[in-house]
């Protein structure tokens, strides 16, 4: 069994600047002193507007023209607007812990082997979901299609279709940053060894399966 912990942090940037923007214009990442390299940089989602009353009570929603089903953002500077000053580090793509192992046992000619691998503490950007603001033909995951905000499903944790497309004008937000942890059995094999088959041959027969089992919550492409 083996395991590896990873901690990475930007400790300084040339010329004394505090940060450098990386990534794309739509999906900003940042090299910021005190944070992991290429951290995701965008708006923090703190909920979903579930009713007209919630929209009417929020100055930011009023100014931005949001509706029920839209994502609700943290207004860092409290000015009632969603601006660059409201962006913050919302995760990073590096796993905090990776692990793996091999199991191998044999008994009276029967052998069994298993290899597994996993990561923990990783985040991934669902860029496909975030691209619908400018790519109208982009399809939806089955999970989102079956469970998104509508007036009949106001308790959903997913925004409405209109809210997904128009909230933050397609800019990076924490709703698009997903849990990338997973556990996977890479290979499993069961075999049997014959000794002196037909008086002269040693032979082994086996059944093997590659990646027969995985546990993960991310709904996008792996």
Protein backbone atom coordinates (compact mmCIF):
# COMPACT_ATOMS: atom_id res chain seq x y z
CA UNK A 1 0.00 0.00 0.00
CA UNK A 2 1.28 3.49 -0.75
CA UNK A 3 0.07 7.04 -0.21
CA UNK A 4 1.31 10.51 -1.07
CA UNK A 5 0.35 13.84 0.48
CA UNK A 6 0.70 17.00 -1.59
CA UNK A 7 0.76 20.59 -0.43
CA UNK A 8 1.77 23.27 -2.89
CA UNK A 9 1.74 27.01 -2.31
CA UNK A 10 2.91 30.08 -4.18
CA UNK A 11 5.42 31.72 -1.83
CA UNK A 12 6.57 34.61 -4.02
CA UNK A 13 6.26 36.09 -7.51
CA UNK A 14 8.95 37.98 -9.35
CA UNK A 15 8.90 41.78 -9.13
CA UNK A 16 6.98 41.67 -5.86
CA UNK A 17 3.47 41.30 -7.29
CA UNK A 18 0.87 39.41 -5.27
CA UNK A 19 -0.76 37.49 -8.11
CA UNK A 20 -0.82 36.62 -11.81
CA UNK A 21 -3.97 35.63 -13.66
CA UNK A 22 -3.84 32.39 -15.65
CA UNK A 23 -6.41 30.17 -17.38
CA UNK A 24 -8.79 31.57 -20.00
CA UNK A 25 -10.86 34.75 -20.07
CA UNK A 26 -14.00 32.76 -19.19
CA UNK A 27 -12.46 30.34 -16.69
CA UNK A 28 -9.94 32.34 -14.72
CA UNK A 29 -7.24 30.73 -12.61
CA UNK A 30 -4.73 32.56 -10.46
CA UNK A 31 -1.19 32.32 -9.14
CA UNK A 32 -1.62 34.08 -5.80
CA UNK A 33 0.88 34.25 -2.96
CA UNK A 34 -0.36 32.03 -0.13
CA UNK A 35 -2.55 29.81 -2.35
CA UNK A 36 -1.93 26.70 -4.50
CA UNK A 37 -0.67 27.25 -8.03
CA UNK A 38 -3.33 27.89 -10.68
CA UNK A 39 -6.18 28.01 -8.17
CA UNK A 40 -9.67 28.47 -9.58
CA UNK A 41 -10.60 32.14 -9.36
CA UNK A 42 -14.20 33.26 -9.63
CA UNK A 43 -17.44 33.99 -7.84
CA UNK A 44 -18.51 32.02 -4.78
CA UNK A 45 -22.04 30.63 -5.03
CA UNK A 46 -23.90 30.77 -1.71
CA UNK A 47 -27.24 29.41 -2.91
CA UNK A 48 -30.03 29.76 -5.44
CA UNK A 49 -32.81 32.35 -5.55
CA UNK A 50 -35.85 30.19 -4.88
CA UNK A 51 -38.60 32.80 -5.05
CA UNK A 52 -39.45 36.32 -6.22
CA UNK A 53 -39.34 37.40 -2.59
CA UNK A 54 -35.66 36.36 -2.30
CA UNK A 55 -34.84 38.27 -5.49
CA UNK A 56 -36.65 41.38 -4.25
CA UNK A 57 -34.78 41.30 -0.94
CA UNK A 58 -31.32 41.20 -2.55
CA UNK A 59 -29.88 44.44 -4.02
CA UNK A 60 -27.38 42.47 -6.12
CA UNK A 61 -30.14 40.40 -7.72
CA UNK A 62 -32.12 43.56 -8.43
CA UNK A 63 -29.19 45.32 -10.11
CA UNK A 64 -28.14 42.26 -12.09
CA UNK A 65 -31.67 41.43 -13.23
CA UNK A 66 -31.68 37.98 -11.69
CA UNK A 67 -34.77 35.78 -11.39
CA UNK A 68 -35.82 32.80 -9.27
CA UNK A 69 -33.62 29.84 -10.24
CA UNK A 70 -30.51 31.99 -10.76
CA UNK A 71 -27.33 31.39 -8.79
CA UNK A 72 -26.81 33.55 -5.70
CA UNK A 73 -23.30 34.98 -5.28
CA UNK A 74 -21.32 36.29 -2.34
CA UNK A 75 -20.97 40.07 -2.62
CA UNK A 76 -17.53 40.51 -1.07
CA UNK A 77 -17.38 44.30 -1.10
CA UNK A 78 -21.09 44.77 -0.38
CA UNK A 79 -21.68 47.24 -3.22
CA UNK A 80 -24.71 45.37 -4.55
CA UNK A 81 -23.00 44.53 -7.84
CA UNK A 82 -21.11 41.56 -9.22
CA UNK A 83 -17.69 42.88 -10.25
CA UNK A 84 -14.06 41.74 -10.42
CA UNK A 85 -13.71 42.74 -6.77
CA UNK A 86 -16.05 39.89 -5.84
CA UNK A 87 -13.82 37.18 -7.32
CA UNK A 88 -11.98 34.91 -4.91
CA UNK A 89 -10.10 31.61 -4.80
CA UNK A 90 -12.72 28.86 -5.02
CA UNK A 91 -10.57 25.71 -5.13
CA UNK A 92 -7.58 24.16 -6.83
CA UNK A 93 -7.12 21.15 -9.13
CA UNK A 94 -4.48 19.30 -7.13
CA UNK A 95 -5.40 16.26 -4.99
CA UNK A 96 -4.35 16.55 -1.37
CA UNK A 97 -3.81 12.79 -1.11
CA UNK A 98 -3.24 10.01 -3.63
CA UNK A 99 -3.12 6.35 -2.68
CA UNK A 100 -2.91 2.91 -4.19
CA UNK A 101 -2.01 -0.67 -3.51
CA UNK A 102 -1.71 -4.25 -4.63
CA UNK A 103 -3.17 -7.36 -3.02
CA UNK A 104 -1.84 -10.76 -4.00
CA UNK A 105 -2.68 -14.09 -2.33
CA UNK A 106 -2.29 -17.75 -3.32
CA UNK A 107 -3.48 -21.03 -1.84
CA UNK A 108 -3.17 -24.56 -3.23
CA UNK A 109 -2.82 -23.46 -6.83
CA UNK A 110 -5.47 -20.73 -6.61
CA UNK A 111 -4.25 -17.15 -6.83
CA UNK A 112 -5.98 -13.80 -6.53
CA UNK A 113 -4.65 -10.34 -7.36
CA UNK A 114 -6.13 -6.85 -7.11
CA UNK A 115 -4.74 -3.38 -7.85
CA UNK A 116 -6.49 -0.19 -6.70
CA UNK A 117 -5.90 3.55 -6.88
CA UNK A 118 -7.61 6.71 -5.64
CA UNK A 119 -7.34 10.44 -5.05
CA UNK A 120 -8.81 12.70 -2.35
CA UNK A 121 -9.14 16.46 -2.01
CA UNK A 122 -9.14 17.19 -5.75
CA UNK A 123 -11.40 19.63 -7.61
CA UNK A 124 -12.25 19.80 -11.29
CA UNK A 125 -13.81 22.50 -13.45
CA UNK A 126 -16.94 21.42 -15.32
CA UNK A 127 -16.12 23.63 -18.31
CA UNK A 128 -18.80 21.95 -20.39
CA UNK A 129 -21.55 23.20 -18.10
CA UNK A 130 -19.95 26.64 -18.02
CA UNK A 131 -19.77 26.89 -21.81
CA UNK A 132 -23.53 27.01 -22.38
CA UNK A 133 -23.48 30.81 -22.19
CA UNK A 134 -21.91 30.98 -25.66
CA UNK A 135 -22.45 27.45 -27.06
CA UNK A 136 -26.21 27.03 -27.33
CA UNK A 137 -26.02 23.49 -28.72
CA UNK A 138 -24.18 22.11 -25.68
CA UNK A 139 -26.13 19.23 -24.13
CA UNK A 140 -26.88 18.63 -20.44
CA UNK A 141 -25.97 15.77 -18.14
CA UNK A 142 -28.77 13.38 -17.30
CA UNK A 143 -28.52 14.29 -13.60
CA UNK A 144 -28.96 18.01 -14.34
CA UNK A 145 -31.78 17.45 -16.80
CA UNK A 146 -33.69 15.44 -14.19
CA UNK A 147 -32.98 17.76 -11.27
CA UNK A 148 -32.74 21.51 -11.90
CA UNK A 149 -34.68 24.46 -10.57
CA UNK A 150 -38.18 25.04 -11.93
CA UNK A 151 -41.27 26.48 -10.31
CA UNK A 152 -42.27 22.85 -9.64
CA UNK A 153 -38.87 21.88 -8.17
CA UNK A 154 -37.87 24.98 -6.19
CA UNK A 155 -35.70 23.02 -3.72
CA UNK A 156 -33.20 21.78 -6.31
CA UNK A 157 -29.53 22.61 -5.70
CA UNK A 158 -29.03 23.14 -9.44
CA UNK A 159 -29.95 26.45 -11.11
CA UNK A 160 -32.62 26.78 -13.75
CA UNK A 161 -31.55 26.42 -17.38
CA UNK A 162 -31.83 30.18 -17.89
CA UNK A 163 -30.03 30.80 -14.60
CA UNK A 164 -27.20 28.46 -15.57
CA UNK A 165 -26.70 30.21 -18.90
CA UNK A 166 -27.05 33.83 -17.74
CA UNK A 167 -25.84 33.89 -14.15
CA UNK A 168 -22.49 35.74 -13.93
CA UNK A 169 -22.56 36.03 -17.72
CA UNK A 170 -20.76 32.73 -18.18
CA UNK A 171 -17.90 33.56 -15.81
CA UNK A 172 -16.30 31.01 -13.50
CA UNK A 173 -18.17 30.32 -10.28
CA UNK A 174 -17.95 27.75 -7.51
CA UNK A 175 -21.02 25.83 -8.77
CA UNK A 176 -18.86 24.77 -11.73
CA UNK A 177 -16.08 23.50 -9.44
CA UNK A 178 -16.82 19.87 -8.64
CA UNK A 179 -15.49 17.16 -6.37
CA UNK A 180 -12.95 15.10 -8.34
CA UNK A 181 -12.27 12.44 -5.68
CA UNK A 182 -12.46 8.85 -6.82
CA UNK A 183 -11.58 5.27 -5.96
CA UNK A 184 -10.98 2.73 -8.68
CA UNK A 185 -10.09 -0.93 -8.88
CA UNK A 186 -7.60 -0.92 -11.74
CA UNK A 187 -7.37 -4.68 -12.20
CA UNK A 188 -8.64 -7.86 -10.58
CA UNK A 189 -7.49 -11.33 -11.52
CA UNK A 190 -8.28 -14.88 -10.40
CA UNK A 191 -6.23 -17.83 -11.62
CA UNK A 192 -5.46 -21.49 -11.10
CA UNK A 193 -2.11 -23.18 -11.73
CA UNK A 194 -1.82 -26.78 -12.90
CA UNK A 195 1.35 -28.64 -12.01
CA UNK A 196 2.70 -31.38 -14.30
CA UNK A 197 -0.39 -31.36 -16.53
CA UNK A 198 -0.38 -34.49 -18.70
CA UNK A 199 2.72 -35.48 -16.79
CA UNK A 200 4.96 -32.81 -18.26
CA UNK A 201 3.35 -29.33 -18.49
CA UNK A 202 2.94 -26.53 -15.97
CA UNK A 203 0.01 -24.29 -16.91
CA UNK A 204 -2.11 -21.50 -15.48
CA UNK A 205 -5.59 -20.34 -16.47
CA UNK A 206 -7.01 -17.03 -15.28
CA UNK A 207 -9.78 -14.48 -15.61
CA UNK A 208 -8.83 -10.78 -15.56
CA UNK A 209 -10.86 -7.56 -15.57
CA UNK A 210 -9.50 -4.04 -16.12
CA UNK A 211 -11.22 -1.17 -14.27
CA UNK A 212 -14.27 -3.21 -13.24
CA UNK A 213 -15.32 -0.88 -10.42
CA UNK A 214 -15.13 2.85 -9.68
CA UNK A 215 -16.61 5.22 -7.10
CA UNK A 216 -16.86 8.91 -8.03
CA UNK A 217 -19.42 11.72 -7.88
CA UNK A 218 -18.31 13.88 -10.82
CA UNK A 219 -20.91 13.79 -13.61
CA UNK A 220 -18.73 15.13 -16.44
CA UNK A 221 -16.19 13.38 -18.61
CA UNK A 222 -13.28 11.68 -16.83
